[in-house]
Amino acid sequence: VACDACGRCASDAAPGLIRMENNLPVIDYSAGGPSAPEAVFRCATRSIVWLEGEQFQDQESRRVRTG
């Protein structure tokens, strides 16, 4: 599934969290915060997924091992 560049994530996100660049969302992970998951609720293609806690740690450890 690919992003269709609708921009909903950028408009729903906290200021500075997501910006659209060349029709793709660019996420500033350091700008996260408690309201960050709300940015992905209206993603029509579900191409952006918010991971928290254990699930996020599993993804990160896999990325580090293979990267």
N, C-alpha and C. Protein backbone atom coordinates (compact mmCIF):
# COMPACT_ATOMS: atom_id res chain seq x y z
N VAL A 1 0.85 -1.18 0.00
CA VAL A 1 0.00 0.00 0.00
C VAL A 1 0.89 1.23 0.00
N ALA A 2 0.54 2.17 -0.81
CA ALA A 2 1.34 3.39 -0.93
C ALA A 2 0.54 4.61 -0.50
N CYS A 3 1.26 5.63 -0.13
CA CYS A 3 0.65 6.92 0.22
C CYS A 3 0.08 7.54 -1.04
N ASP A 4 -1.14 8.10 -0.91
CA ASP A 4 -1.74 8.77 -2.07
C ASP A 4 -1.63 10.29 -1.99
N ALA A 5 -0.81 10.79 -1.08
CA ALA A 5 -0.50 12.22 -0.93
C ALA A 5 -1.71 13.08 -0.62
N CYS A 6 -2.67 12.53 0.14
CA CYS A 6 -3.87 13.31 0.47
C CYS A 6 -3.57 14.44 1.45
N GLY A 7 -2.55 14.29 2.30
CA GLY A 7 -2.16 15.33 3.23
C GLY A 7 -2.93 15.34 4.54
N ARG A 8 -3.83 14.38 4.74
CA ARG A 8 -4.59 14.33 5.99
C ARG A 8 -3.70 14.17 7.20
N CYS A 9 -2.67 13.35 7.08
CA CYS A 9 -1.77 13.13 8.22
C CYS A 9 -1.10 14.43 8.64
N ALA A 10 -0.66 15.21 7.68
CA ALA A 10 0.01 16.49 7.98
C ALA A 10 -0.96 17.48 8.61
N SER A 11 -2.21 17.50 8.14
CA SER A 11 -3.17 18.45 8.71
C SER A 11 -3.65 18.02 10.08
N ASP A 12 -3.67 16.71 10.38
CA ASP A 12 -4.12 16.22 11.68
C ASP A 12 -3.02 16.18 12.73
N ALA A 13 -1.78 16.19 12.30
CA ALA A 13 -0.65 16.04 13.22
C ALA A 13 -0.40 17.31 14.02
N ALA A 14 0.29 17.13 15.14
CA ALA A 14 0.73 18.27 15.93
C ALA A 14 1.67 19.12 15.07
N PRO A 15 1.72 20.41 15.29
CA PRO A 15 2.59 21.28 14.49
C PRO A 15 4.04 20.78 14.48
N GLY A 16 4.59 20.66 13.28
CA GLY A 16 5.97 20.24 13.12
C GLY A 16 6.20 18.75 13.08
N LEU A 17 5.17 17.93 13.32
CA LEU A 17 5.36 16.47 13.34
C LEU A 17 5.46 15.90 11.92
N ILE A 18 4.54 16.28 11.05
CA ILE A 18 4.52 15.76 9.68
C ILE A 18 4.37 16.92 8.71
N ARG A 19 5.19 16.92 7.67
CA ARG A 19 5.06 17.92 6.60
C ARG A 19 5.05 17.17 5.27
N MET A 20 4.37 17.74 4.29
CA MET A 20 4.34 17.15 2.96
C MET A 20 5.50 17.71 2.16
N GLU A 21 6.28 16.83 1.55
CA GLU A 21 7.42 17.23 0.74
C GLU A 21 7.43 16.38 -0.52
N ASN A 22 7.33 16.99 -1.68
CA ASN A 22 7.24 16.27 -2.96
C ASN A 22 6.13 15.23 -2.94
N ASN A 23 4.97 15.62 -2.39
CA ASN A 23 3.79 14.76 -2.30
C ASN A 23 3.98 13.51 -1.45
N LEU A 24 4.89 13.57 -0.50
CA LEU A 24 5.06 12.47 0.45
C LEU A 24 5.15 13.05 1.86
N PRO A 25 4.59 12.35 2.86
CA PRO A 25 4.70 12.83 4.23
C PRO A 25 6.11 12.57 4.77
N VAL A 26 6.66 13.59 5.41
CA VAL A 26 7.97 13.48 6.04
C VAL A 26 7.72 13.66 7.53
N ILE A 27 8.10 12.67 8.33
CA ILE A 27 7.82 12.66 9.76
C ILE A 27 9.06 13.06 10.53
N ASP A 28 8.90 14.02 11.44
CA ASP A 28 9.97 14.43 12.35
C ASP A 28 9.73 13.69 13.66
N TYR A 29 10.38 12.55 13.85
CA TYR A 29 10.15 11.71 15.01
C TYR A 29 10.49 12.40 16.32
N SER A 30 11.39 13.36 16.29
CA SER A 30 11.74 14.06 17.52
C SER A 30 10.62 15.00 17.97
N ALA A 31 9.66 15.31 17.11
CA ALA A 31 8.55 16.19 17.46
C ALA A 31 7.35 15.41 17.98
N GLY A 32 7.48 14.11 18.19
CA GLY A 32 6.42 13.21 18.64
C GLY A 32 5.47 13.78 19.66
N GLY A 33 5.48 13.27 20.84
CA GLY A 33 4.62 13.78 21.89
C GLY A 33 3.36 12.96 22.05
N PRO A 34 2.58 13.30 23.05
CA PRO A 34 1.40 12.49 23.37
C PRO A 34 0.30 12.51 22.32
N SER A 35 0.23 13.53 21.48
CA SER A 35 -0.85 13.59 20.49
C SER A 35 -0.45 12.99 19.14
N ALA A 36 0.73 12.44 19.03
CA ALA A 36 1.22 11.95 17.75
C ALA A 36 0.36 10.87 17.10
N PRO A 37 -0.21 9.90 17.81
CA PRO A 37 -1.00 8.86 17.14
C PRO A 37 -2.22 9.39 16.38
N GLU A 38 -2.75 10.53 16.79
CA GLU A 38 -3.91 11.08 16.10
C GLU A 38 -3.62 11.39 14.64
N ALA A 39 -2.38 11.57 14.30
CA ALA A 39 -2.02 11.92 12.93
C ALA A 39 -2.28 10.81 11.92
N VAL A 40 -2.42 9.58 12.35
CA VAL A 40 -2.58 8.48 11.41
C VAL A 40 -4.00 7.94 11.34
N PHE A 41 -4.92 8.45 12.13
CA PHE A 41 -6.28 7.91 12.16
C PHE A 41 -7.02 8.05 10.85
N ARG A 42 -6.81 9.14 10.12
CA ARG A 42 -7.54 9.34 8.86
C ARG A 42 -6.78 8.90 7.63
N CYS A 43 -5.69 8.19 7.76
CA CYS A 43 -4.92 7.73 6.61
C CYS A 43 -5.78 6.76 5.79
N ALA A 44 -6.18 7.20 4.61
CA ALA A 44 -7.09 6.41 3.77
C ALA A 44 -6.49 5.09 3.30
N THR A 45 -5.18 5.05 3.09
CA THR A 45 -4.55 3.82 2.59
C THR A 45 -3.90 3.01 3.71
N ARG A 46 -3.91 3.55 4.92
CA ARG A 46 -3.27 2.91 6.09
C ARG A 46 -1.78 2.65 5.83
N SER A 47 -1.16 3.54 5.09
CA SER A 47 0.26 3.39 4.81
C SER A 47 1.14 3.91 5.93
N ILE A 48 0.57 4.70 6.85
CA ILE A 48 1.29 5.16 8.03
C ILE A 48 0.70 4.45 9.24
N VAL A 49 1.54 3.80 10.01
CA VAL A 49 1.09 3.04 11.18
C VAL A 49 1.85 3.54 12.39
N TRP A 50 1.14 3.80 13.48
CA TRP A 50 1.77 4.26 14.71
C TRP A 50 2.09 3.04 15.57
N LEU A 51 3.35 2.88 15.96
CA LEU A 51 3.78 1.77 16.81
C LEU A 51 4.17 2.31 18.17
N GLU A 52 3.77 1.61 19.21
CA GLU A 52 4.11 2.02 20.57
C GLU A 52 4.64 0.84 21.35
N GLY A 53 5.39 1.17 22.39
CA GLY A 53 5.83 0.18 23.38
C GLY A 53 6.56 -1.01 22.79
N GLU A 54 6.11 -2.20 23.19
CA GLU A 54 6.77 -3.44 22.81
C GLU A 54 6.81 -3.64 21.30
N GLN A 55 5.72 -3.33 20.64
CA GLN A 55 5.64 -3.49 19.19
C GLN A 55 6.70 -2.62 18.50
N PHE A 56 6.86 -1.38 18.95
CA PHE A 56 7.85 -0.48 18.38
C PHE A 56 9.25 -1.00 18.64
N GLN A 57 9.52 -1.48 19.84
CA GLN A 57 10.84 -1.98 20.19
C GLN A 57 11.21 -3.18 19.32
N ASP A 58 10.25 -4.06 19.04
CA ASP A 58 10.51 -5.20 18.17
C ASP A 58 10.91 -4.74 16.77
N GLN A 59 10.20 -3.75 16.22
CA GLN A 59 10.51 -3.22 14.90
C GLN A 59 11.90 -2.59 14.89
N GLU A 60 12.23 -1.81 15.92
CA GLU A 60 13.52 -1.15 16.00
C GLU A 60 14.65 -2.17 16.10
N SER A 61 14.49 -3.20 16.91
CA SER A 61 15.57 -4.18 17.07
C SER A 61 15.79 -4.94 15.76
N ARG A 62 14.72 -5.21 15.03
CA ARG A 62 14.87 -5.87 13.73
C ARG A 62 15.61 -4.99 12.75
N ARG A 63 15.28 -3.70 12.75
CA ARG A 63 15.91 -2.76 11.83
C ARG A 63 17.40 -2.64 12.14
N VAL A 64 17.74 -2.59 13.40
CA VAL A 64 19.14 -2.45 13.79
C VAL A 64 19.94 -3.69 13.42
N ARG A 65 19.36 -4.87 13.64
CA ARG A 65 20.07 -6.12 13.34
C ARG A 65 20.31 -6.30 11.84
N THR A 66 19.31 -5.91 11.02
CA THR A 66 19.46 -6.14 9.58
C THR A 66 20.11 -4.98 8.87
N GLY A 67 20.14 -3.81 9.49
CA GLY A 67 20.64 -2.61 8.82
C GLY A 67 22.04 -2.42 9.09
